[in-house]
Each structure stands twice: as C-alpha cells, then as structure tokens.
Amino acid sequence: MPKVIYTPGKGLVQSTGGGFVMGTEALTAAGVCDPSTPVTLITAASDGIAMTLANGSAEGQLKYFISLHANEATVTPATTCGSYTNFVLTNVGDTVALIWTASGWAVFGRNAGVAQASATAVAGLPIFG
C-alpha cells in the first residue's frame, strides 16, 4: 500500500512508503486551533494556556488533540454536542478525539496520559468542564 498523507491544503497525497498520515499543527501558547488540520499537538511551556476551536466545515470532520506536556491547556470549542463546554489536557499523553456533527463537536474518544485504576475507567477521566 502506498503512503497517503492528508493535509488541508492539498487533500490526499500519495507518496512512497506505507500507511496513512494526517496533517498536524503544533501549538505552544494560547491561541486558535485550526479545525481543518486533523491533529493538534500541544506543547506548552507554562500552565493555564487557553485555546479555541472554531466550528467544523462538514459533518464527519475529525479533530484530535494530543498533549505533549505536563502543563494545563484548556480547549474551548465554539459549539459542542453534549453537556461539556471545554476540556483540559494536563498530562503527557492526554488525548481527546472529536467529530463535527450538525449539532457541534462531539467527543468520541479520550484517554488520560496517567495510569488509571482500570482500563475501563474512562468515565472517571477528569478532563471535561
């Protein structure tokens, strides 16, 4: 299988190698997350950074957040699907997966970067506000 890379600017691009690679953005300070870039890597040098996420452009659009730091970063989507208003990434390895729906950004996956008491203890992950 050829390597396929997705970027917002070029769409799907085939190249040598194997696998599927999604475009990324790296954020190190407070600001705006690009909803058209599938993966946001958060590397903050200090606690308390705030980020916003605009509405998606098509139903089924995916957005992933991955924390590469041990500082607190709060992400606030413009429109959410559900009762949450934001989420906070506080540990290396914290992740949140969102999908855009007609009602807003819905959470379809999350993981804490720290060890949990049980592999099924997802409901107890303390990252949503």
C-alpha atoms as a PDB file:
ATOM      1  CA  MET A   1       0.000   0.000   0.000  1.00  0.00           C
ATOM      2  CA  PRO A   2       1.400   3.424  -0.833  1.00  0.00           C
ATOM      3  CA  LYS A   3       1.804   6.074   1.826  1.00  0.00           C
ATOM      4  CA  VAL A   4      -1.134   8.523   1.836  1.00  0.00           C
ATOM      5  CA  ILE A   5      -0.802  11.902   3.533  1.00  0.00           C
ATOM      6  CA  TYR A   6      -3.729  14.229   4.291  1.00  0.00           C
ATOM      7  CA  THR A   7      -3.196  17.979   4.560  1.00  0.00           C
ATOM      8  CA  PRO A   8      -5.853  20.719   4.469  1.00  0.00           C
ATOM      9  CA  GLY A   9      -4.080  22.493   1.619  1.00  0.00           C
ATOM     10  CA  LYS A  10      -3.520  19.532  -0.727  1.00  0.00           C
ATOM     11  CA  GLY A  11      -6.014  16.901   0.407  1.00  0.00           C
ATOM     12  CA  LEU A  12      -4.843  13.316  -0.063  1.00  0.00           C
ATOM     13  CA  VAL A  13      -1.344  12.971  -1.493  1.00  0.00           C
ATOM     14  CA  GLN A  14       0.214   9.630  -2.422  1.00  0.00           C
ATOM     15  CA  SER A  15       3.934   9.077  -1.886  1.00  0.00           C
ATOM     16  CA  THR A  16       6.424   6.260  -1.380  1.00  0.00           C
ATOM     17  CA  GLY A  17       6.298   4.348   1.872  1.00  0.00           C
ATOM     18  CA  GLY A  18       3.309   2.925   3.682  1.00  0.00           C
ATOM     19  CA  GLY A  19       0.463   3.992   5.937  1.00  0.00           C
ATOM     20  CA  PHE A  20      -1.893   6.935   6.361  1.00  0.00           C
ATOM     21  CA  VAL A  21      -0.554  10.195   7.822  1.00  0.00           C
ATOM     22  CA  MET A  22      -2.736  13.106   8.942  1.00  0.00           C
ATOM     23  CA  GLY A  23      -1.628  16.725   8.903  1.00  0.00           C
ATOM     24  CA  THR A  24      -0.588  18.237  12.234  1.00  0.00           C
ATOM     25  CA  GLU A  25      -0.224  21.626  13.841  1.00  0.00           C
ATOM     26  CA  ALA A  26       1.914  22.313  16.918  1.00  0.00           C
ATOM     27  CA  LEU A  27       0.695  24.863  19.455  1.00  0.00           C
ATOM     28  CA  THR A  28       2.964  26.136  22.220  1.00  0.00           C
ATOM     29  CA  ALA A  29       0.911  29.066  23.546  1.00  0.00           C
ATOM     30  CA  ALA A  30      -2.667  30.293  23.843  1.00  0.00           C
ATOM     31  CA  GLY A  31      -4.448  30.752  20.543  1.00  0.00           C
ATOM     32  CA  VAL A  32      -6.679  29.270  17.889  1.00  0.00           C
ATOM     33  CA  CYS A  33      -6.689  25.611  16.812  1.00  0.00           C
ATOM     34  CA  ASP A  34      -7.244  25.078  13.085  1.00  0.00           C
ATOM     35  CA  PRO A  35     -10.355  22.922  12.637  1.00  0.00           C
ATOM     36  CA  SER A  36      -9.202  21.874   9.156  1.00  0.00           C
ATOM     37  CA  THR A  37      -5.921  20.407  10.453  1.00  0.00           C
ATOM     38  CA  PRO A  38      -6.800  16.946  11.846  1.00  0.00           C
ATOM     39  CA  VAL A  39      -4.214  16.735  14.659  1.00  0.00           C
ATOM     40  CA  THR A  40      -3.205  19.408  17.172  1.00  0.00           C
ATOM     41  CA  LEU A  41      -0.053  18.652  19.175  1.00  0.00           C
ATOM     42  CA  ILE A  42       0.030  20.783  22.317  1.00  0.00           C
ATOM     43  CA  THR A  43       3.417  21.600  23.821  1.00  0.00           C
ATOM     44  CA  ALA A  44       3.025  24.357  26.382  1.00  0.00           C
ATOM     45  CA  ALA A  45       5.884  25.797  28.404  1.00  0.00           C
ATOM     46  CA  SER A  46       3.554  27.068  31.139  1.00  0.00           C
ATOM     47  CA  ASP A  47       0.248  26.217  32.846  1.00  0.00           C
ATOM     48  CA  GLY A  48      -3.072  27.811  32.044  1.00  0.00           C
ATOM     49  CA  ILE A  49      -2.959  28.295  28.286  1.00  0.00           C
ATOM     50  CA  ALA A  50      -6.362  28.683  26.600  1.00  0.00           C
ATOM     51  CA  MET A  51      -7.164  27.583  23.068  1.00  0.00           C
ATOM     52  CA  THR A  52     -10.298  27.872  20.973  1.00  0.00           C
ATOM     53  CA  LEU A  53     -11.640  25.646  18.217  1.00  0.00           C
ATOM     54  CA  ALA A  54     -13.975  27.045  15.534  1.00  0.00           C
ATOM     55  CA  ASN A  55     -16.879  25.072  14.114  1.00  0.00           C
ATOM     56  CA  GLY A  56     -16.170  22.344  11.593  1.00  0.00           C
ATOM     57  CA  SER A  57     -16.972  22.689   7.909  1.00  0.00           C
ATOM     58  CA  ALA A  58     -18.519  19.265   7.140  1.00  0.00           C
ATOM     59  CA  GLU A  59     -20.254  16.566   9.150  1.00  0.00           C
ATOM     60  CA  GLY A  60     -17.838  13.752   9.926  1.00  0.00           C
ATOM     61  CA  GLN A  61     -14.805  16.071  10.125  1.00  0.00           C
ATOM     62  CA  LEU A  62     -12.322  14.698  12.685  1.00  0.00           C
ATOM     63  CA  LYS A  63     -10.152  16.630  15.136  1.00  0.00           C
ATOM     64  CA  TYR A  64      -7.625  15.102  17.537  1.00  0.00           C
ATOM     65  CA  PHE A  65      -5.787  16.795  20.421  1.00  0.00           C
ATOM     66  CA  ILE A  66      -2.641  15.270  21.919  1.00  0.00           C
ATOM     67  CA  SER A  67      -0.789  16.709  24.906  1.00  0.00           C
ATOM     68  CA  LEU A  68       2.993  16.502  24.741  1.00  0.00           C
ATOM     69  CA  HIS A  69       3.496  18.425  28.013  1.00  0.00           C
ATOM     70  CA  ALA A  70       2.620  18.234  31.697  1.00  0.00           C
ATOM     71  CA  ASN A  71       1.127  21.735  31.835  1.00  0.00           C
ATOM     72  CA  GLU A  72      -2.574  22.565  31.789  1.00  0.00           C
ATOM     73  CA  ALA A  73      -4.121  23.536  28.448  1.00  0.00           C
ATOM     74  CA  THR A  74      -7.858  24.281  28.109  1.00  0.00           C
ATOM     75  CA  VAL A  75      -9.558  23.872  24.730  1.00  0.00           C
ATOM     76  CA  THR A  76     -12.956  25.514  24.191  1.00  0.00           C
ATOM     77  CA  PRO A  77     -14.866  24.561  21.036  1.00  0.00           C
ATOM     78  CA  ALA A  78     -17.196  27.231  19.592  1.00  0.00           C
ATOM     79  CA  THR A  79     -20.109  24.751  19.530  1.00  0.00           C
ATOM     80  CA  THR A  80     -20.300  21.463  21.408  1.00  0.00           C
ATOM     81  CA  CYS A  81     -22.564  18.469  21.020  1.00  0.00           C
ATOM     82  CA  GLY A  82     -23.328  17.417  24.576  1.00  0.00           C
ATOM     83  CA  SER A  83     -23.120  18.961  28.007  1.00  0.00           C
ATOM     84  CA  TYR A  84     -19.408  19.832  28.069  1.00  0.00           C
ATOM     85  CA  THR A  85     -18.146  23.360  27.318  1.00  0.00           C
ATOM     86  CA  ASN A  86     -14.387  22.711  27.244  1.00  0.00           C
ATOM     87  CA  PHE A  87     -11.775  20.112  28.048  1.00  0.00           C
ATOM     88  CA  VAL A  88      -8.441  20.321  29.835  1.00  0.00           C
ATOM     89  CA  LEU A  89      -5.292  18.389  28.960  1.00  0.00           C
ATOM     90  CA  THR A  90      -2.946  18.172  31.949  1.00  0.00           C
ATOM     91  CA  ASN A  91      -0.591  15.245  31.395  1.00  0.00           C
ATOM     92  CA  VAL A  92       1.762  13.979  28.726  1.00  0.00           C
ATOM     93  CA  GLY A  93      -0.299  11.630  26.591  1.00  0.00           C
ATOM     94  CA  ASP A  94      -3.755  13.075  27.357  1.00  0.00           C
ATOM     95  CA  THR A  95      -5.815  12.828  24.168  1.00  0.00           C
ATOM     96  CA  VAL A  96      -9.277  13.894  23.004  1.00  0.00           C
ATOM     97  CA  ALA A  97     -10.920  12.869  19.717  1.00  0.00           C
ATOM     98  CA  LEU A  98     -13.764  14.976  18.308  1.00  0.00           C
ATOM     99  CA  ILE A  99     -16.112  14.639  15.337  1.00  0.00           C
ATOM    100  CA  TRP A 100     -18.110  17.507  13.836  1.00  0.00           C
ATOM    101  CA  THR A 101     -21.877  16.934  13.697  1.00  0.00           C
ATOM    102  CA  ALA A 102     -24.815  19.149  12.746  1.00  0.00           C
ATOM    103  CA  SER A 103     -25.070  19.940  16.487  1.00  0.00           C
ATOM    104  CA  GLY A 104     -21.395  20.741  17.173  1.00  0.00           C
ATOM    105  CA  TRP A 105     -18.152  18.975  18.171  1.00  0.00           C
ATOM    106  CA  ALA A 106     -18.950  15.578  19.738  1.00  0.00           C
ATOM    107  CA  VAL A 107     -16.387  13.686  21.803  1.00  0.00           C
ATOM    108  CA  PHE A 108     -15.922  10.136  20.530  1.00  0.00           C
ATOM    109  CA  GLY A 109     -12.709   9.256  22.326  1.00  0.00           C
ATOM    110  CA  ARG A 110     -10.470  10.338  25.152  1.00  0.00           C
ATOM    111  CA  ASN A 111      -7.548   8.964  27.096  1.00  0.00           C
ATOM    112  CA  ALA A 112      -5.571  10.048  30.118  1.00  0.00           C
ATOM    113  CA  GLY A 113      -1.789  10.021  29.913  1.00  0.00           C
ATOM    114  CA  VAL A 114      -1.534   8.784  33.501  1.00  0.00           C
ATOM    115  CA  ALA A 115      -2.293   5.270  34.690  1.00  0.00           C
ATOM    116  CA  GLN A 116      -5.938   4.626  35.556  1.00  0.00           C
ATOM    117  CA  ALA A 117      -7.208   2.166  38.157  1.00  0.00           C
ATOM    118  CA  SER A 118      -8.927   0.183  35.403  1.00  0.00           C
ATOM    119  CA  ALA A 119      -8.703   0.070  31.655  1.00  0.00           C
ATOM    120  CA  THR A 120     -12.477   0.636  31.591  1.00  0.00           C
ATOM    121  CA  ALA A 121     -12.399   3.702  33.889  1.00  0.00           C
ATOM    122  CA  VAL A 122     -12.875   6.172  31.029  1.00  0.00           C
ATOM    123  CA  ALA A 123     -15.909   7.783  32.692  1.00  0.00           C
ATOM    124  CA  GLY A 124     -13.712   8.879  35.584  1.00  0.00           C
ATOM    125  CA  LEU A 125     -11.175  10.768  33.469  1.00  0.00           C
ATOM    126  CA  PRO A 126     -11.119  14.314  34.891  1.00  0.00           C
ATOM    127  CA  ILE A 127     -10.659  16.345  31.717  1.00  0.00           C
ATOM    128  CA  PHE A 128     -14.056  17.852  30.893  1.00  0.00           C
ATOM    129  CA  GLY A 129     -15.638  21.066  32.149  1.00  0.00           C
END
